[in-house]
Amino acid sequence: MQLEIVTPEKKIFQGEVSEASFPGATGSFQVLNNHAPIVSALAKGTVSFTAKDGGKQSMVVEGGVVEVKDNVIVVLAEKVIS
């Protein structure tokens, strides 16, 4: 899957991932390969993902929106703290 994380200021991450977890507005959720299309609001919390090389990464976002469609995940974050 392709993951892209952007803020109004810059692109934070772009690359291939095997899974990703998000702090949804109504609870956390995980996205795996071939996930059904979804658009969800994000609450303040940790976005974590596993890159194709096996490296696990995480960052805290201060809300935003995530869209999943055709194995492409786009996160529009208000702000990334870490």
C-alpha atoms as a PDB file:
ATOM      1  CA  MET A   1       0.000   0.000   0.000  1.00  0.00           C
ATOM      2  CA  GLN A   2       1.087   3.555  -0.618  1.00  0.00           C
ATOM      3  CA  LEU A   3       0.942   5.946   2.359  1.00  0.00           C
ATOM      4  CA  GLU A   4       1.232   9.719   2.135  1.00  0.00           C
ATOM      5  CA  ILE A   5       1.106  11.990   5.192  1.00  0.00           C
ATOM      6  CA  VAL A   6       0.902  15.734   4.573  1.00  0.00           C
ATOM      7  CA  THR A   7       0.321  18.873   6.638  1.00  0.00           C
ATOM      8  CA  PRO A   8      -0.470  22.369   5.364  1.00  0.00           C
ATOM      9  CA  GLU A   9       3.265  23.125   5.634  1.00  0.00           C
ATOM     10  CA  LYS A  10       4.922  20.062   4.033  1.00  0.00           C
ATOM     11  CA  LYS A  11       4.874  16.391   3.100  1.00  0.00           C
ATOM     12  CA  ILE A  12       5.869  14.351   6.170  1.00  0.00           C
ATOM     13  CA  PHE A  13       6.053  10.839   4.686  1.00  0.00           C
ATOM     14  CA  GLN A  14       5.499   9.024   1.410  1.00  0.00           C
ATOM     15  CA  GLY A  15       6.233   5.356   0.817  1.00  0.00           C
ATOM     16  CA  GLU A  16       5.118   1.740   0.740  1.00  0.00           C
ATOM     17  CA  VAL A  17       3.706   0.267   3.961  1.00  0.00           C
ATOM     18  CA  SER A  18       2.302  -3.124   4.944  1.00  0.00           C
ATOM     19  CA  GLU A  19      -0.092  -1.771   7.605  1.00  0.00           C
ATOM     20  CA  ALA A  20      -1.103   1.489   9.255  1.00  0.00           C
ATOM     21  CA  SER A  21      -3.045   2.424  12.414  1.00  0.00           C
ATOM     22  CA  PHE A  22      -4.938   5.659  12.991  1.00  0.00           C
ATOM     23  CA  PRO A  23      -6.640   7.515  15.873  1.00  0.00           C
ATOM     24  CA  GLY A  24     -10.118   7.778  14.385  1.00  0.00           C
ATOM     25  CA  ALA A  25     -12.563  10.318  15.795  1.00  0.00           C
ATOM     26  CA  THR A  26     -14.690   7.450  17.176  1.00  0.00           C
ATOM     27  CA  GLY A  27     -11.832   5.051  17.997  1.00  0.00           C
ATOM     28  CA  SER A  28      -8.584   3.653  16.662  1.00  0.00           C
ATOM     29  CA  PHE A  29      -8.529   1.517  13.528  1.00  0.00           C
ATOM     30  CA  GLN A  30      -6.016  -0.360  11.383  1.00  0.00           C
ATOM     31  CA  VAL A  31      -5.727  -0.494   7.597  1.00  0.00           C
ATOM     32  CA  LEU A  32      -4.310  -3.544   5.822  1.00  0.00           C
ATOM     33  CA  ASN A  33      -3.831  -4.330   2.137  1.00  0.00           C
ATOM     34  CA  ASN A  34      -7.063  -4.296   0.065  1.00  0.00           C
ATOM     35  CA  HIS A  35      -9.010  -2.414   2.753  1.00  0.00           C
ATOM     36  CA  ALA A  36     -12.466  -1.177   1.769  1.00  0.00           C
ATOM     37  CA  PRO A  37     -12.613   2.503   0.764  1.00  0.00           C
ATOM     38  CA  ILE A  38     -13.066   4.809   3.756  1.00  0.00           C
ATOM     39  CA  VAL A  39     -12.843   8.462   4.710  1.00  0.00           C
ATOM     40  CA  SER A  40     -12.483   9.183   8.430  1.00  0.00           C
ATOM     41  CA  ALA A  41     -11.856  12.149  10.682  1.00  0.00           C
ATOM     42  CA  LEU A  42      -8.785  11.807  12.890  1.00  0.00           C
ATOM     43  CA  ALA A  43      -8.567  12.759  16.545  1.00  0.00           C
ATOM     44  CA  LYS A  44      -5.355  13.831  18.260  1.00  0.00           C
ATOM     45  CA  GLY A  45      -3.279  10.691  18.663  1.00  0.00           C
ATOM     46  CA  THR A  46      -0.622   8.398  17.255  1.00  0.00           C
ATOM     47  CA  VAL A  47      -0.421   7.347  13.621  1.00  0.00           C
ATOM     48  CA  SER A  48       1.785   4.269  13.292  1.00  0.00           C
ATOM     49  CA  PHE A  49       2.791   2.206  10.286  1.00  0.00           C
ATOM     50  CA  THR A  50       5.149  -0.544   9.185  1.00  0.00           C
ATOM     51  CA  ALA A  51       7.260   0.222   6.132  1.00  0.00           C
ATOM     52  CA  LYS A  52       7.793  -2.521   3.524  1.00  0.00           C
ATOM     53  CA  ASP A  53      11.355  -2.997   4.840  1.00  0.00           C
ATOM     54  CA  GLY A  54       9.847  -3.920   8.237  1.00  0.00           C
ATOM     55  CA  GLY A  55      10.691  -0.664  10.017  1.00  0.00           C
ATOM     56  CA  LYS A  56       7.951   0.519  12.388  1.00  0.00           C
ATOM     57  CA  GLN A  57       7.366   4.286  12.587  1.00  0.00           C
ATOM     58  CA  SER A  58       4.941   6.478  14.495  1.00  0.00           C
ATOM     59  CA  MET A  59       4.043  10.136  14.897  1.00  0.00           C
ATOM     60  CA  VAL A  60       1.456  12.152  16.800  1.00  0.00           C
ATOM     61  CA  VAL A  61      -1.078  14.134  14.784  1.00  0.00           C
ATOM     62  CA  GLU A  62      -3.375  16.884  16.051  1.00  0.00           C
ATOM     63  CA  GLY A  63      -6.395  15.783  14.058  1.00  0.00           C
ATOM     64  CA  GLY A  64      -7.094  15.685  10.366  1.00  0.00           C
ATOM     65  CA  VAL A  65      -8.646  13.371   7.781  1.00  0.00           C
ATOM     66  CA  VAL A  66      -7.590  10.029   6.292  1.00  0.00           C
ATOM     67  CA  GLU A  67      -8.770   8.575   2.976  1.00  0.00           C
ATOM     68  CA  VAL A  68      -8.217   4.959   1.942  1.00  0.00           C
ATOM     69  CA  LYS A  69      -8.932   3.909  -1.642  1.00  0.00           C
ATOM     70  CA  ASP A  70      -7.379   1.329  -3.986  1.00  0.00           C
ATOM     71  CA  ASN A  71      -4.466   0.601  -1.605  1.00  0.00           C
ATOM     72  CA  VAL A  72      -3.571   4.302  -1.395  1.00  0.00           C
ATOM     73  CA  ILE A  73      -3.792   5.996   2.016  1.00  0.00           C
ATOM     74  CA  VAL A  74      -3.704   9.789   2.190  1.00  0.00           C
ATOM     75  CA  VAL A  75      -3.522  11.504   5.583  1.00  0.00           C
ATOM     76  CA  LEU A  76      -4.219  15.240   5.689  1.00  0.00           C
ATOM     77  CA  ALA A  77      -3.001  16.134   9.181  1.00  0.00           C
ATOM     78  CA  GLU A  78      -3.607  19.482  10.822  1.00  0.00           C
ATOM     79  CA  LYS A  79      -0.203  19.247  12.517  1.00  0.00           C
ATOM     80  CA  VAL A  80       2.392  16.558  13.255  1.00  0.00           C
ATOM     81  CA  ILE A  81       3.938  16.845  16.717  1.00  0.00           C
ATOM     82  CA  SER A  82       6.562  14.085  16.517  1.00  0.00           C
END
